[in-house]
Amino acid sequence: MFIWPATTLTPAGIYRWVRHPQALALCLVSVGLGLTTGSAPYLCSVPLWVAGWVAYTYIEERFELVPTFGDDYLAYMKRTARLLPGIF
């Protein structure tokens, strides 16, 4: 695990509402592409994409972010949604 020397937890900007904005954006893009293309195989794969990104965020938090930031990150997890503010 590589940690940048000056790594700090910065819960500002979009990180105030969502812990993993990149994963949220990619989930929304995959859903949007599925809806706009109307491709049945792609629409069937959308839940797999979303599940993959949710799994990625769980693994990243458990094995990288919590060990790096400790109690600060645990407190941040309690007050900030993982992907969807107010839902998840």
N, C-alpha and C. Protein backbone atom coordinates (compact mmCIF):
# COMPACT_ATOMS: atom_id res chain seq x y z
N MET A 1 0.85 -1.17 0.00
CA MET A 1 0.00 0.00 0.00
C MET A 1 0.89 1.23 0.00
N PHE A 2 0.71 2.10 -1.00
CA PHE A 2 1.49 3.33 -1.09
C PHE A 2 0.68 4.49 -0.55
N ILE A 3 1.25 5.24 0.35
CA ILE A 3 0.60 6.43 0.91
C ILE A 3 1.47 7.64 0.58
N TRP A 4 0.85 8.66 0.03
CA TRP A 4 1.59 9.88 -0.25
C TRP A 4 2.09 10.48 1.05
N PRO A 5 3.26 11.09 1.07
CA PRO A 5 3.84 11.61 2.31
C PRO A 5 2.96 12.62 3.05
N ALA A 6 2.26 13.48 2.34
CA ALA A 6 1.47 14.53 2.99
C ALA A 6 -0.03 14.24 2.89
N THR A 7 -0.40 12.99 3.08
CA THR A 7 -1.81 12.61 2.95
C THR A 7 -2.60 13.13 4.14
N THR A 8 -3.69 13.84 3.84
CA THR A 8 -4.58 14.32 4.89
C THR A 8 -6.02 14.06 4.47
N LEU A 9 -6.88 13.90 5.43
CA LEU A 9 -8.30 13.72 5.17
C LEU A 9 -8.93 15.09 4.99
N THR A 10 -9.57 15.31 3.83
CA THR A 10 -10.15 16.60 3.53
C THR A 10 -11.63 16.43 3.20
N PRO A 11 -12.50 16.51 4.20
CA PRO A 11 -13.94 16.36 3.94
C PRO A 11 -14.59 17.69 3.54
N ALA A 12 -14.14 18.24 2.42
CA ALA A 12 -14.68 19.51 1.93
C ALA A 12 -15.13 19.33 0.49
N GLY A 13 -15.84 20.30 -0.03
CA GLY A 13 -16.32 20.21 -1.40
C GLY A 13 -17.33 19.09 -1.53
N ILE A 14 -17.22 18.32 -2.60
CA ILE A 14 -18.16 17.22 -2.81
C ILE A 14 -18.00 16.12 -1.76
N TYR A 15 -16.81 16.03 -1.18
CA TYR A 15 -16.56 15.01 -0.15
C TYR A 15 -17.34 15.29 1.13
N ARG A 16 -17.96 16.44 1.23
CA ARG A 16 -18.81 16.75 2.37
C ARG A 16 -20.09 15.92 2.33
N TRP A 17 -20.53 15.53 1.13
CA TRP A 17 -21.78 14.79 0.97
C TRP A 17 -21.57 13.32 0.57
N VAL A 18 -20.49 13.05 -0.19
CA VAL A 18 -20.25 11.70 -0.72
C VAL A 18 -18.79 11.32 -0.49
N ARG A 19 -18.58 10.11 0.05
CA ARG A 19 -17.21 9.66 0.31
C ARG A 19 -16.49 9.21 -0.96
N HIS A 20 -17.22 8.73 -1.96
CA HIS A 20 -16.61 8.20 -3.18
C HIS A 20 -17.29 8.80 -4.42
N PRO A 21 -17.02 10.08 -4.72
CA PRO A 21 -17.69 10.73 -5.85
C PRO A 21 -17.34 10.12 -7.20
N GLN A 22 -16.13 9.60 -7.36
CA GLN A 22 -15.76 8.98 -8.64
C GLN A 22 -16.60 7.72 -8.88
N ALA A 23 -16.77 6.90 -7.86
CA ALA A 23 -17.58 5.69 -8.00
C ALA A 23 -19.03 6.06 -8.29
N LEU A 24 -19.55 7.09 -7.63
CA LEU A 24 -20.91 7.55 -7.90
C LEU A 24 -21.05 7.99 -9.35
N ALA A 25 -20.10 8.76 -9.83
CA ALA A 25 -20.16 9.25 -11.21
C ALA A 25 -20.14 8.09 -12.20
N LEU A 26 -19.28 7.11 -11.98
CA LEU A 26 -19.21 5.98 -12.90
C LEU A 26 -20.46 5.11 -12.84
N CYS A 27 -21.06 4.98 -11.67
CA CYS A 27 -22.34 4.26 -11.57
C CYS A 27 -23.42 4.99 -12.36
N LEU A 28 -23.48 6.31 -12.21
CA LEU A 28 -24.48 7.10 -12.94
C LEU A 28 -24.25 7.05 -14.45
N VAL A 29 -23.00 7.06 -14.87
CA VAL A 29 -22.69 6.96 -16.30
C VAL A 29 -23.12 5.60 -16.84
N SER A 30 -22.87 4.54 -16.10
CA SER A 30 -23.26 3.22 -16.60
C SER A 30 -24.78 3.10 -16.68
N VAL A 31 -25.50 3.63 -15.70
CA VAL A 31 -26.96 3.61 -15.76
C VAL A 31 -27.45 4.47 -16.93
N GLY A 32 -26.87 5.65 -17.10
CA GLY A 32 -27.27 6.53 -18.20
C GLY A 32 -27.00 5.91 -19.56
N LEU A 33 -25.86 5.29 -19.73
CA LEU A 33 -25.57 4.64 -21.01
C LEU A 33 -26.54 3.50 -21.28
N GLY A 34 -26.85 2.76 -20.25
CA GLY A 34 -27.81 1.67 -20.42
C GLY A 34 -29.17 2.17 -20.84
N LEU A 35 -29.60 3.26 -20.24
CA LEU A 35 -30.92 3.80 -20.57
C LEU A 35 -30.95 4.46 -21.95
N THR A 36 -29.89 5.15 -22.33
CA THR A 36 -29.89 5.84 -23.62
C THR A 36 -29.67 4.89 -24.79
N THR A 37 -28.87 3.85 -24.60
CA THR A 37 -28.64 2.91 -25.71
C THR A 37 -29.80 1.93 -25.85
N GLY A 38 -30.45 1.61 -24.75
CA GLY A 38 -31.55 0.66 -24.80
C GLY A 38 -31.10 -0.76 -25.11
N SER A 39 -29.83 -1.01 -25.02
CA SER A 39 -29.28 -2.33 -25.30
C SER A 39 -29.60 -3.27 -24.15
N ALA A 40 -30.31 -4.34 -24.42
CA ALA A 40 -30.70 -5.29 -23.37
C ALA A 40 -29.49 -5.92 -22.68
N PRO A 41 -28.45 -6.38 -23.42
CA PRO A 41 -27.29 -6.95 -22.72
C PRO A 41 -26.60 -5.92 -21.81
N TYR A 42 -26.51 -4.68 -22.30
CA TYR A 42 -25.87 -3.66 -21.47
C TYR A 42 -26.72 -3.36 -20.24
N LEU A 43 -28.02 -3.24 -20.42
CA LEU A 43 -28.90 -2.98 -19.28
C LEU A 43 -28.80 -4.09 -18.24
N CYS A 44 -28.64 -5.33 -18.70
CA CYS A 44 -28.48 -6.44 -17.76
C CYS A 44 -27.15 -6.38 -17.01
N SER A 45 -26.15 -5.75 -17.62
CA SER A 45 -24.84 -5.67 -16.97
C SER A 45 -24.73 -4.50 -15.99
N VAL A 46 -25.65 -3.55 -16.04
CA VAL A 46 -25.59 -2.37 -15.17
C VAL A 46 -25.54 -2.76 -13.68
N PRO A 47 -26.39 -3.68 -13.21
CA PRO A 47 -26.27 -4.06 -11.79
C PRO A 47 -24.90 -4.62 -11.42
N LEU A 48 -24.25 -5.30 -12.36
CA LEU A 48 -22.90 -5.81 -12.09
C LEU A 48 -21.90 -4.68 -11.95
N TRP A 49 -22.02 -3.66 -12.82
CA TRP A 49 -21.14 -2.49 -12.72
C TRP A 49 -21.32 -1.79 -11.37
N VAL A 50 -22.57 -1.58 -11.00
CA VAL A 50 -22.85 -0.88 -9.75
C VAL A 50 -22.36 -1.71 -8.56
N ALA A 51 -22.62 -3.02 -8.57
CA ALA A 51 -22.15 -3.88 -7.49
C ALA A 51 -20.63 -3.88 -7.41
N GLY A 52 -19.97 -3.84 -8.56
CA GLY A 52 -18.50 -3.79 -8.57
C GLY A 52 -17.96 -2.53 -7.93
N TRP A 53 -18.58 -1.40 -8.22
CA TRP A 53 -18.12 -0.14 -7.63
C TRP A 53 -18.43 -0.07 -6.14
N VAL A 54 -19.56 -0.62 -5.73
CA VAL A 54 -19.86 -0.66 -4.29
C VAL A 54 -18.84 -1.54 -3.58
N ALA A 55 -18.51 -2.68 -4.16
CA ALA A 55 -17.50 -3.57 -3.57
C ALA A 55 -16.14 -2.87 -3.51
N TYR A 56 -15.80 -2.14 -4.57
CA TYR A 56 -14.54 -1.41 -4.59
C TYR A 56 -14.46 -0.40 -3.45
N THR A 57 -15.54 0.34 -3.23
CA THR A 57 -15.52 1.35 -2.16
C THR A 57 -15.39 0.69 -0.80
N TYR A 58 -16.04 -0.45 -0.61
CA TYR A 58 -15.93 -1.17 0.67
C TYR A 58 -14.50 -1.62 0.91
N ILE A 59 -13.89 -2.22 -0.10
CA ILE A 59 -12.52 -2.72 0.03
C ILE A 59 -11.55 -1.57 0.27
N GLU A 60 -11.72 -0.47 -0.48
CA GLU A 60 -10.83 0.68 -0.31
C GLU A 60 -10.92 1.24 1.11
N GLU A 61 -12.14 1.36 1.62
CA GLU A 61 -12.29 1.89 2.98
C GLU A 61 -11.67 0.96 4.01
N ARG A 62 -11.98 -0.31 3.90
CA ARG A 62 -11.54 -1.27 4.92
C ARG A 62 -10.03 -1.45 4.95
N PHE A 63 -9.40 -1.55 3.79
CA PHE A 63 -7.99 -1.91 3.75
C PHE A 63 -7.04 -0.75 3.50
N GLU A 64 -7.55 0.41 3.11
CA GLU A 64 -6.65 1.53 2.86
C GLU A 64 -7.00 2.77 3.67
N LEU A 65 -8.24 3.21 3.62
CA LEU A 65 -8.59 4.48 4.24
C LEU A 65 -8.68 4.41 5.76
N VAL A 66 -9.35 3.39 6.30
CA VAL A 66 -9.44 3.28 7.76
C VAL A 66 -8.07 3.05 8.39
N PRO A 67 -7.23 2.14 7.84
CA PRO A 67 -5.89 2.01 8.44
C PRO A 67 -5.04 3.28 8.34
N THR A 68 -5.25 4.07 7.29
CA THR A 68 -4.45 5.28 7.11
C THR A 68 -4.90 6.40 8.03
N PHE A 69 -6.22 6.64 8.09
CA PHE A 69 -6.74 7.80 8.83
C PHE A 69 -7.35 7.46 10.18
N GLY A 70 -7.60 6.19 10.46
CA GLY A 70 -8.06 5.75 11.77
C GLY A 70 -9.40 6.33 12.20
N ASP A 71 -9.44 6.83 13.42
CA ASP A 71 -10.68 7.34 14.01
C ASP A 71 -11.26 8.53 13.26
N ASP A 72 -10.41 9.34 12.65
CA ASP A 72 -10.91 10.47 11.86
C ASP A 72 -11.78 9.98 10.70
N TYR A 73 -11.33 8.92 10.04
CA TYR A 73 -12.10 8.39 8.92
C TYR A 73 -13.37 7.68 9.40
N LEU A 74 -13.30 7.01 10.53
CA LEU A 74 -14.49 6.35 11.07
C LEU A 74 -15.56 7.39 11.41
N ALA A 75 -15.16 8.52 11.96
CA ALA A 75 -16.12 9.59 12.25
C ALA A 75 -16.67 10.18 10.95
N TYR A 76 -15.82 10.33 9.95
CA TYR A 76 -16.23 10.82 8.64
C TYR A 76 -17.25 9.86 8.00
N MET A 77 -17.03 8.56 8.17
CA MET A 77 -17.96 7.56 7.63
C MET A 77 -19.35 7.69 8.26
N LYS A 78 -19.40 8.04 9.53
CA LYS A 78 -20.69 8.14 10.23
C LYS A 78 -21.51 9.34 9.75
N ARG A 79 -20.85 10.40 9.31
CA ARG A 79 -21.59 11.60 8.94
C ARG A 79 -21.72 11.82 7.43
N THR A 80 -21.11 10.95 6.62
CA THR A 80 -21.12 11.15 5.17
C THR A 80 -21.57 9.87 4.47
N ALA A 81 -22.40 10.02 3.44
CA ALA A 81 -22.89 8.87 2.68
C ALA A 81 -21.77 8.28 1.82
N ARG A 82 -21.84 6.98 1.59
CA ARG A 82 -20.84 6.32 0.74
C ARG A 82 -21.01 6.76 -0.71
N LEU A 83 -22.22 6.62 -1.25
CA LEU A 83 -22.44 6.97 -2.66
C LEU A 83 -23.62 7.92 -2.87
N LEU A 84 -24.74 7.67 -2.22
CA LEU A 84 -25.93 8.50 -2.43
C LEU A 84 -26.32 9.23 -1.15
N PRO A 85 -26.19 10.55 -1.11
CA PRO A 85 -26.54 11.29 0.10
C PRO A 85 -27.99 11.01 0.54
N GLY A 86 -28.14 10.70 1.80
CA GLY A 86 -29.45 10.44 2.36
C GLY A 86 -29.95 9.02 2.14
N ILE A 87 -29.25 8.23 1.32
CA ILE A 87 -29.70 6.87 1.01
C ILE A 87 -28.65 5.83 1.37
N PHE A 88 -27.44 5.97 0.77
CA PHE A 88 -26.40 4.95 0.94
C PHE A 88 -25.05 5.61 1.02
